[in-house]
Amino acid sequence: MSDPTEPVRYFRTREGYDIDPENPPRWVDLEDEVLGLDVEPGLILKPVFGRNMTMSFVYMQPNSVAPVHQHPQEQIGTMIEGSYLFELAGEKRWVHKGEVYVVPPNVPHGAVTGDEPCLALDVFSPPREAFAELMEQALRERSEGETS
């Protein structure tokens, strides 16, 4: 337990950390290294995978739909550009740049864009295995297309 008389230090390091060879630190170039997944008309996901979470950049064209769905992962998202009408547990609200939504596990949610495109960022914990499966399928299809 920490000493309540000591100031809390947010930034601190410790000596002797180990890097897991199966999950090394890395840089990711979103444009050149991450394949976009066309999951619905006008909806492209670019997921980045970590060991304990998935981060997904969500690109939606005007008047497109992310159908209401649910999953066992917790999800926290924010709007980077544009806006969409987000449905969360049956309640609908416009989400604009800088606003955040929190989706507990198994809660139904979805989104619809208006006349403008948008870019949102969603983070999932634990990792969203459906994204990994979609990515594996897309990479397989791309590889097969390159060899034919």
N, C-alpha and C. Protein backbone atom coordinates (compact mmCIF):
# COMPACT_ATOMS: atom_id res chain seq x y z
N MET A 1 0.85 -1.18 0.00
CA MET A 1 0.00 0.00 0.00
C MET A 1 0.89 1.23 0.00
N SER A 2 0.47 2.28 -0.71
CA SER A 2 1.29 3.48 -0.80
C SER A 2 1.16 4.34 0.45
N ASP A 3 2.18 5.14 0.65
CA ASP A 3 2.23 6.05 1.80
C ASP A 3 1.37 7.27 1.48
N PRO A 4 0.30 7.54 2.26
CA PRO A 4 -0.59 8.67 1.93
C PRO A 4 0.09 10.03 2.09
N THR A 5 1.23 10.09 2.73
CA THR A 5 1.93 11.37 2.88
C THR A 5 2.82 11.66 1.67
N GLU A 6 3.09 10.64 0.85
CA GLU A 6 3.92 10.82 -0.35
C GLU A 6 3.04 11.31 -1.50
N PRO A 7 3.56 12.24 -2.32
CA PRO A 7 2.78 12.68 -3.48
C PRO A 7 2.64 11.54 -4.50
N VAL A 8 1.52 11.52 -5.18
CA VAL A 8 1.28 10.52 -6.20
C VAL A 8 2.11 10.90 -7.43
N ARG A 9 2.86 9.94 -7.91
CA ARG A 9 3.67 10.15 -9.11
C ARG A 9 3.03 9.38 -10.26
N TYR A 10 2.58 10.11 -11.25
CA TYR A 10 1.96 9.46 -12.41
C TYR A 10 3.02 8.85 -13.31
N PHE A 11 4.06 9.61 -13.61
CA PHE A 11 5.11 9.12 -14.49
C PHE A 11 6.21 8.50 -13.65
N ARG A 12 6.40 7.21 -13.86
CA ARG A 12 7.47 6.51 -13.14
C ARG A 12 7.89 5.32 -13.98
N THR A 13 9.10 4.87 -13.78
CA THR A 13 9.61 3.70 -14.48
C THR A 13 10.19 2.76 -13.46
N ARG A 14 10.39 1.55 -13.90
CA ARG A 14 11.06 0.58 -13.04
C ARG A 14 12.14 -0.10 -13.85
N GLU A 15 13.14 -0.52 -13.18
CA GLU A 15 14.25 -1.22 -13.83
C GLU A 15 13.87 -2.67 -14.09
N GLY A 16 14.50 -3.26 -15.07
CA GLY A 16 14.39 -4.69 -15.27
C GLY A 16 13.10 -5.20 -15.87
N TYR A 17 12.44 -4.44 -16.72
CA TYR A 17 11.22 -4.94 -17.35
C TYR A 17 11.60 -5.92 -18.46
N ASP A 18 10.68 -6.83 -18.76
CA ASP A 18 10.88 -7.81 -19.81
C ASP A 18 9.94 -7.49 -20.97
N ILE A 19 10.43 -7.68 -22.18
CA ILE A 19 9.59 -7.52 -23.36
C ILE A 19 9.17 -8.90 -23.84
N ASP A 20 7.88 -9.08 -23.96
CA ASP A 20 7.32 -10.34 -24.44
C ASP A 20 7.60 -10.44 -25.94
N PRO A 21 8.33 -11.46 -26.39
CA PRO A 21 8.63 -11.57 -27.83
C PRO A 21 7.39 -11.75 -28.69
N GLU A 22 6.29 -12.22 -28.11
CA GLU A 22 5.05 -12.38 -28.86
C GLU A 22 4.21 -11.10 -28.88
N ASN A 23 4.60 -10.11 -28.09
CA ASN A 23 3.88 -8.84 -28.04
C ASN A 23 4.87 -7.69 -27.83
N PRO A 24 5.77 -7.51 -28.80
CA PRO A 24 6.80 -6.48 -28.64
C PRO A 24 6.24 -5.08 -28.87
N PRO A 25 6.90 -4.06 -28.32
CA PRO A 25 6.50 -2.69 -28.66
C PRO A 25 6.68 -2.48 -30.16
N ARG A 26 5.84 -1.64 -30.75
CA ARG A 26 5.95 -1.42 -32.19
C ARG A 26 5.27 -0.12 -32.57
N TRP A 27 5.60 0.37 -33.75
CA TRP A 27 4.95 1.52 -34.36
C TRP A 27 4.08 0.98 -35.48
N VAL A 28 2.94 1.62 -35.72
CA VAL A 28 2.05 1.18 -36.79
C VAL A 28 1.69 2.39 -37.65
N ASP A 29 1.91 2.27 -38.96
CA ASP A 29 1.51 3.30 -39.91
C ASP A 29 0.10 2.93 -40.40
N LEU A 30 -0.88 3.65 -39.94
CA LEU A 30 -2.28 3.32 -40.21
C LEU A 30 -2.58 3.29 -41.71
N GLU A 31 -2.04 4.23 -42.45
CA GLU A 31 -2.34 4.31 -43.88
C GLU A 31 -1.67 3.20 -44.69
N ASP A 32 -0.42 2.88 -44.37
CA ASP A 32 0.34 1.93 -45.19
C ASP A 32 0.33 0.49 -44.66
N GLU A 33 0.08 0.30 -43.38
CA GLU A 33 0.23 -1.03 -42.81
C GLU A 33 -1.07 -1.70 -42.36
N VAL A 34 -2.15 -0.94 -42.23
CA VAL A 34 -3.39 -1.52 -41.71
C VAL A 34 -4.41 -1.61 -42.83
N LEU A 35 -4.80 -2.82 -43.13
CA LEU A 35 -5.79 -3.09 -44.16
C LEU A 35 -7.17 -2.63 -43.69
N GLY A 36 -7.89 -1.92 -44.54
CA GLY A 36 -9.25 -1.51 -44.21
C GLY A 36 -10.22 -2.66 -44.44
N LEU A 37 -11.10 -2.86 -43.50
CA LEU A 37 -12.10 -3.93 -43.59
C LEU A 37 -13.44 -3.32 -43.97
N ASP A 38 -13.95 -3.67 -45.13
CA ASP A 38 -15.27 -3.21 -45.57
C ASP A 38 -16.32 -4.10 -44.92
N VAL A 39 -16.88 -3.64 -43.80
CA VAL A 39 -17.80 -4.50 -43.06
C VAL A 39 -19.27 -4.26 -43.40
N GLU A 40 -19.58 -3.08 -43.90
CA GLU A 40 -20.92 -2.73 -44.35
C GLU A 40 -20.74 -1.70 -45.47
N PRO A 41 -21.73 -1.49 -46.33
CA PRO A 41 -21.59 -0.45 -47.34
C PRO A 41 -21.30 0.91 -46.68
N GLY A 42 -20.21 1.54 -47.11
CA GLY A 42 -19.86 2.86 -46.57
C GLY A 42 -19.21 2.84 -45.21
N LEU A 43 -18.83 1.66 -44.71
CA LEU A 43 -18.25 1.52 -43.37
C LEU A 43 -16.97 0.70 -43.45
N ILE A 44 -15.85 1.35 -43.14
CA ILE A 44 -14.55 0.68 -43.17
C ILE A 44 -13.93 0.75 -41.78
N LEU A 45 -13.43 -0.37 -41.30
CA LEU A 45 -12.73 -0.44 -40.02
C LEU A 45 -11.25 -0.68 -40.27
N LYS A 46 -10.41 0.00 -39.50
CA LYS A 46 -8.97 -0.25 -39.53
C LYS A 46 -8.55 -0.59 -38.10
N PRO A 47 -8.56 -1.89 -37.75
CA PRO A 47 -8.23 -2.28 -36.39
C PRO A 47 -6.73 -2.43 -36.18
N VAL A 48 -6.29 -2.06 -34.98
CA VAL A 48 -4.92 -2.26 -34.53
C VAL A 48 -5.02 -3.13 -33.28
N PHE A 49 -4.25 -4.23 -33.29
CA PHE A 49 -4.38 -5.24 -32.25
C PHE A 49 -3.25 -5.18 -31.23
N GLY A 50 -3.61 -5.19 -29.97
CA GLY A 50 -2.67 -5.37 -28.88
C GLY A 50 -3.01 -6.67 -28.20
N ARG A 51 -2.28 -7.01 -27.16
CA ARG A 51 -2.57 -8.25 -26.45
C ARG A 51 -3.86 -8.16 -25.66
N ASN A 52 -4.11 -7.02 -25.00
CA ASN A 52 -5.25 -6.90 -24.09
C ASN A 52 -6.34 -5.95 -24.58
N MET A 53 -6.16 -5.38 -25.75
CA MET A 53 -7.19 -4.48 -26.29
C MET A 53 -7.06 -4.40 -27.80
N THR A 54 -8.13 -3.92 -28.41
CA THR A 54 -8.15 -3.63 -29.83
C THR A 54 -8.58 -2.18 -29.99
N MET A 55 -7.89 -1.46 -30.87
CA MET A 55 -8.27 -0.09 -31.20
C MET A 55 -8.71 -0.12 -32.66
N SER A 56 -9.85 0.49 -32.95
CA SER A 56 -10.36 0.46 -34.32
C SER A 56 -10.73 1.86 -34.79
N PHE A 57 -10.14 2.26 -35.92
CA PHE A 57 -10.52 3.50 -36.57
C PHE A 57 -11.72 3.18 -37.46
N VAL A 58 -12.80 3.92 -37.29
CA VAL A 58 -14.07 3.66 -37.96
C VAL A 58 -14.34 4.79 -38.95
N TYR A 59 -14.28 4.47 -40.24
CA TYR A 59 -14.54 5.44 -41.30
C TYR A 59 -15.94 5.18 -41.84
N MET A 60 -16.82 6.18 -41.76
CA MET A 60 -18.18 6.02 -42.28
C MET A 60 -18.47 7.10 -43.31
N GLN A 61 -18.98 6.68 -44.45
CA GLN A 61 -19.39 7.61 -45.50
C GLN A 61 -20.75 8.22 -45.15
N PRO A 62 -21.13 9.30 -45.84
CA PRO A 62 -22.45 9.88 -45.59
C PRO A 62 -23.57 8.85 -45.77
N ASN A 63 -24.57 8.96 -44.92
CA ASN A 63 -25.77 8.13 -45.00
C ASN A 63 -25.46 6.64 -44.97
N SER A 64 -24.52 6.24 -44.13
CA SER A 64 -24.21 4.82 -43.96
C SER A 64 -24.61 4.36 -42.57
N VAL A 65 -24.62 3.04 -42.39
CA VAL A 65 -25.17 2.46 -41.17
C VAL A 65 -24.21 1.43 -40.58
N ALA A 66 -23.99 1.54 -39.28
CA ALA A 66 -23.38 0.46 -38.49
C ALA A 66 -24.55 -0.16 -37.74
N PRO A 67 -25.06 -1.31 -38.19
CA PRO A 67 -26.27 -1.87 -37.60
C PRO A 67 -26.14 -2.09 -36.09
N VAL A 68 -27.27 -2.01 -35.41
CA VAL A 68 -27.28 -2.26 -33.97
C VAL A 68 -26.80 -3.69 -33.74
N HIS A 69 -25.87 -3.83 -32.82
CA HIS A 69 -25.25 -5.12 -32.51
C HIS A 69 -24.78 -5.10 -31.06
N GLN A 70 -24.26 -6.19 -30.60
CA GLN A 70 -23.69 -6.26 -29.25
C GLN A 70 -22.57 -7.29 -29.25
N HIS A 71 -21.69 -7.16 -28.28
CA HIS A 71 -20.54 -8.06 -28.16
C HIS A 71 -20.10 -8.09 -26.70
N PRO A 72 -19.36 -9.12 -26.30
CA PRO A 72 -18.97 -9.26 -24.90
C PRO A 72 -17.86 -8.31 -24.44
N GLN A 73 -17.22 -7.60 -25.38
CA GLN A 73 -16.16 -6.67 -25.01
C GLN A 73 -16.73 -5.33 -24.57
N GLU A 74 -16.05 -4.70 -23.61
CA GLU A 74 -16.36 -3.31 -23.29
C GLU A 74 -15.81 -2.45 -24.41
N GLN A 75 -16.49 -1.35 -24.73
CA GLN A 75 -16.07 -0.47 -25.82
C GLN A 75 -16.15 0.98 -25.35
N ILE A 76 -15.11 1.73 -25.61
CA ILE A 76 -15.13 3.17 -25.37
C ILE A 76 -14.72 3.82 -26.68
N GLY A 77 -15.49 4.81 -27.12
CA GLY A 77 -15.20 5.45 -28.40
C GLY A 77 -15.26 6.95 -28.32
N THR A 78 -14.67 7.59 -29.32
CA THR A 78 -14.72 9.04 -29.44
C THR A 78 -14.78 9.41 -30.92
N MET A 79 -15.38 10.56 -31.19
CA MET A 79 -15.48 11.04 -32.55
C MET A 79 -14.27 11.93 -32.84
N ILE A 80 -13.57 11.62 -33.92
CA ILE A 80 -12.39 12.39 -34.31
C ILE A 80 -12.77 13.47 -35.32
N GLU A 81 -13.59 13.12 -36.30
CA GLU A 81 -14.06 14.06 -37.32
C GLU A 81 -15.51 13.75 -37.64
N GLY A 82 -16.30 14.78 -37.85
CA GLY A 82 -17.69 14.59 -38.23
C GLY A 82 -18.58 14.23 -37.05
N SER A 83 -19.65 13.51 -37.34
CA SER A 83 -20.60 13.11 -36.30
C SER A 83 -21.44 11.95 -36.82
N TYR A 84 -22.07 11.25 -35.87
CA TYR A 84 -23.08 10.27 -36.24
C TYR A 84 -24.10 10.16 -35.14
N LEU A 85 -25.26 9.64 -35.53
CA LEU A 85 -26.33 9.39 -34.58
C LEU A 85 -26.05 8.02 -33.98
N PHE A 86 -25.70 8.00 -32.70
CA PHE A 86 -25.30 6.76 -32.03
C PHE A 86 -26.45 6.26 -31.18
N GLU A 87 -26.76 4.99 -31.34
CA GLU A 87 -27.79 4.36 -30.52
C GLU A 87 -27.12 3.51 -29.46
N LEU A 88 -27.47 3.74 -28.21
CA LEU A 88 -26.87 3.03 -27.07
C LEU A 88 -27.99 2.59 -26.14
N ALA A 89 -28.19 1.29 -26.04
CA ALA A 89 -29.24 0.72 -25.19
C ALA A 89 -30.61 1.34 -25.49
N GLY A 90 -30.88 1.56 -26.79
CA GLY A 90 -32.18 2.08 -27.20
C GLY A 90 -32.28 3.59 -27.23
N GLU A 91 -31.32 4.31 -26.64
CA GLU A 91 -31.33 5.78 -26.66
C GLU A 91 -30.44 6.27 -27.80
N LYS A 92 -30.92 7.27 -28.56
CA LYS A 92 -30.15 7.81 -29.68
C LYS A 92 -29.68 9.22 -29.35
N ARG A 93 -28.42 9.50 -29.73
CA ARG A 93 -27.84 10.82 -29.50
C ARG A 93 -26.77 11.08 -30.55
N TRP A 94 -26.70 12.33 -31.03
CA TRP A 94 -25.64 12.70 -31.96
C TRP A 94 -24.33 12.78 -31.20
N VAL A 95 -23.30 12.15 -31.74
CA VAL A 95 -21.95 12.20 -31.16
C VAL A 95 -21.11 13.06 -32.10
N HIS A 96 -20.52 14.11 -31.55
CA HIS A 96 -19.72 15.06 -32.32
C HIS A 96 -18.25 14.96 -31.93
N LYS A 97 -17.40 15.60 -32.70
CA LYS A 97 -15.96 15.61 -32.46
C LYS A 97 -15.66 15.89 -30.99
N GLY A 98 -14.83 15.01 -30.41
CA GLY A 98 -14.40 15.17 -29.03
C GLY A 98 -15.32 14.55 -27.99
N GLU A 99 -16.49 14.12 -28.39
CA GLU A 99 -17.39 13.48 -27.43
C GLU A 99 -17.07 11.99 -27.32
N VAL A 100 -17.39 11.42 -26.18
CA VAL A 100 -17.03 10.03 -25.85
C VAL A 100 -18.27 9.25 -25.47
N TYR A 101 -18.30 7.98 -25.85
CA TYR A 101 -19.37 7.08 -25.43
C TYR A 101 -18.74 5.84 -24.80
N VAL A 102 -19.44 5.28 -23.84
CA VAL A 102 -18.98 4.08 -23.13
C VAL A 102 -20.05 3.01 -23.30
N VAL A 103 -19.64 1.88 -23.88
CA VAL A 103 -20.57 0.78 -24.15
C VAL A 103 -20.15 -0.41 -23.28
N PRO A 104 -20.91 -0.71 -22.22
CA PRO A 104 -20.59 -1.89 -21.41
C PRO A 104 -20.76 -3.17 -22.22
N PRO A 105 -20.19 -4.28 -21.76
CA PRO A 105 -20.34 -5.55 -22.48
C PRO A 105 -21.81 -5.89 -22.71
N ASN A 106 -22.08 -6.44 -23.90
CA ASN A 106 -23.38 -6.97 -24.29
C ASN A 106 -24.51 -5.96 -24.41
N VAL A 107 -24.21 -4.66 -24.43
CA VAL A 107 -25.24 -3.64 -24.57
C VAL A 107 -25.41 -3.32 -26.07
N PRO A 108 -26.65 -3.39 -26.59
CA PRO A 108 -26.87 -3.10 -28.00
C PRO A 108 -26.51 -1.65 -28.34
N HIS A 109 -25.87 -1.49 -29.52
CA HIS A 109 -25.46 -0.15 -29.98
C HIS A 109 -25.25 -0.18 -31.49
N GLY A 110 -25.31 0.99 -32.11
CA GLY A 110 -25.10 1.12 -33.54
C GLY A 110 -25.03 2.60 -33.89
N ALA A 111 -24.81 2.90 -35.17
CA ALA A 111 -24.66 4.30 -35.58
C ALA A 111 -25.15 4.50 -37.00
N VAL A 112 -25.56 5.74 -37.29
CA VAL A 112 -25.99 6.14 -38.62
C VAL A 112 -25.40 7.52 -38.88
N THR A 113 -24.79 7.70 -40.05
CA THR A 113 -24.28 9.03 -40.39
C THR A 113 -25.35 9.83 -41.11
N GLY A 114 -25.18 11.14 -41.08
CA GLY A 114 -26.05 12.04 -41.83
C GLY A 114 -25.42 12.31 -43.19
N ASP A 115 -25.42 13.57 -43.60
CA ASP A 115 -24.94 13.95 -44.93
C ASP A 115 -23.43 14.13 -45.01
N GLU A 116 -22.72 13.95 -43.90
CA GLU A 116 -21.26 14.12 -43.88
C GLU A 116 -20.59 12.82 -43.45
N PRO A 117 -19.37 12.57 -43.92
CA PRO A 117 -18.63 11.39 -43.44
C PRO A 117 -18.12 11.62 -42.03
N CYS A 118 -17.64 10.57 -41.39
CA CYS A 118 -17.06 10.74 -40.06
C CYS A 118 -15.93 9.72 -39.85
N LEU A 119 -15.12 10.03 -38.85
CA LEU A 119 -14.05 9.14 -38.40
C LEU A 119 -14.16 9.05 -36.89
N ALA A 120 -14.37 7.85 -36.38
CA ALA A 120 -14.45 7.61 -34.94
C ALA A 120 -13.32 6.67 -34.55
N LEU A 121 -13.02 6.64 -33.29
CA LEU A 121 -12.01 5.73 -32.75
C LEU A 121 -12.65 4.94 -31.62
N ASP A 122 -12.66 3.60 -31.75
CA ASP A 122 -13.21 2.72 -30.73
C ASP A 122 -12.10 1.88 -30.14
N VAL A 123 -12.17 1.68 -28.82
CA VAL A 123 -11.21 0.82 -28.11
C VAL A 123 -12.01 -0.28 -27.42
N PHE A 124 -11.54 -1.51 -27.56
CA PHE A 124 -12.23 -2.68 -27.01
C PHE A 124 -11.31 -3.43 -26.05
N SER A 125 -11.88 -3.87 -24.94
CA SER A 125 -11.15 -4.73 -24.02
C SER A 125 -12.14 -5.73 -23.44
N PRO A 126 -11.78 -7.01 -23.45
CA PRO A 126 -10.60 -7.60 -24.08
C PRO A 126 -10.67 -7.42 -25.60
N PRO A 127 -9.63 -7.86 -26.31
CA PRO A 127 -9.60 -7.66 -27.76
C PRO A 127 -10.85 -8.20 -28.46
N ARG A 128 -11.23 -7.54 -29.51
CA ARG A 128 -12.41 -7.93 -30.30
C ARG A 128 -12.00 -9.01 -31.28
N GLU A 129 -12.23 -10.27 -30.92
CA GLU A 129 -11.75 -11.37 -31.75
C GLU A 129 -12.41 -11.41 -33.13
N ALA A 130 -13.61 -10.87 -33.25
CA ALA A 130 -14.27 -10.84 -34.56
C ALA A 130 -13.46 -10.00 -35.55
N PHE A 131 -12.82 -8.93 -35.08
CA PHE A 131 -11.98 -8.11 -35.96
C PHE A 131 -10.77 -8.90 -36.44
N ALA A 132 -10.18 -9.68 -35.54
CA ALA A 132 -9.02 -10.50 -35.92
C ALA A 132 -9.43 -11.52 -36.97
N GLU A 133 -10.60 -12.13 -36.80
CA GLU A 133 -11.09 -13.10 -37.79
C GLU A 133 -11.35 -12.42 -39.13
N LEU A 134 -11.96 -11.24 -39.11
CA LEU A 134 -12.20 -10.51 -40.36
C LEU A 134 -10.89 -10.12 -41.04
N MET A 135 -9.90 -9.71 -40.25
CA MET A 135 -8.61 -9.33 -40.80
C MET A 135 -7.92 -10.53 -41.43
N GLU A 136 -7.94 -11.67 -40.75
CA GLU A 136 -7.34 -12.89 -41.32
C GLU A 136 -7.99 -13.25 -42.64
N GLN A 137 -9.32 -13.16 -42.70
CA GLN A 137 -10.05 -13.47 -43.93
C GLN A 137 -9.67 -12.48 -45.03
N ALA A 138 -9.61 -11.20 -44.72
CA ALA A 138 -9.27 -10.18 -45.73
C ALA A 138 -7.85 -10.37 -46.24
N LEU A 139 -6.92 -10.69 -45.34
CA LEU A 139 -5.53 -10.91 -45.76
C LEU A 139 -5.42 -12.15 -46.65
N ARG A 140 -6.18 -13.21 -46.30
CA ARG A 140 -6.20 -14.42 -47.13
C ARG A 140 -6.73 -14.11 -48.53
N GLU A 141 -7.84 -13.37 -48.58
CA GLU A 141 -8.45 -13.03 -49.87
C GLU A 141 -7.51 -12.16 -50.69
N ARG A 142 -6.83 -11.22 -50.04
CA ARG A 142 -5.89 -10.36 -50.76
C ARG A 142 -4.73 -11.18 -51.30
N SER A 143 -4.22 -12.11 -50.49
CA SER A 143 -3.10 -12.96 -50.88
C SER A 143 -3.51 -13.84 -52.07
N GLU A 144 -4.71 -14.42 -52.00
CA GLU A 144 -5.20 -15.25 -53.09
C GLU A 144 -5.38 -14.44 -54.37
N GLY A 145 -5.82 -13.19 -54.24
CA GLY A 145 -6.00 -12.31 -55.39
C GLY A 145 -4.68 -11.94 -56.04
N GLU A 146 -3.63 -11.80 -55.24
CA GLU A 146 -2.29 -11.46 -55.76
C GLU A 146 -1.64 -12.62 -56.48
N THR A 147 -1.97 -13.86 -56.10
CA THR A 147 -1.36 -15.04 -56.71
C THR A 147 -2.12 -15.53 -57.94
N SER A 148 -3.33 -15.01 -58.17
CA SER A 148 -4.08 -15.49 -59.32
C SER A 148 -3.91 -14.60 -60.52
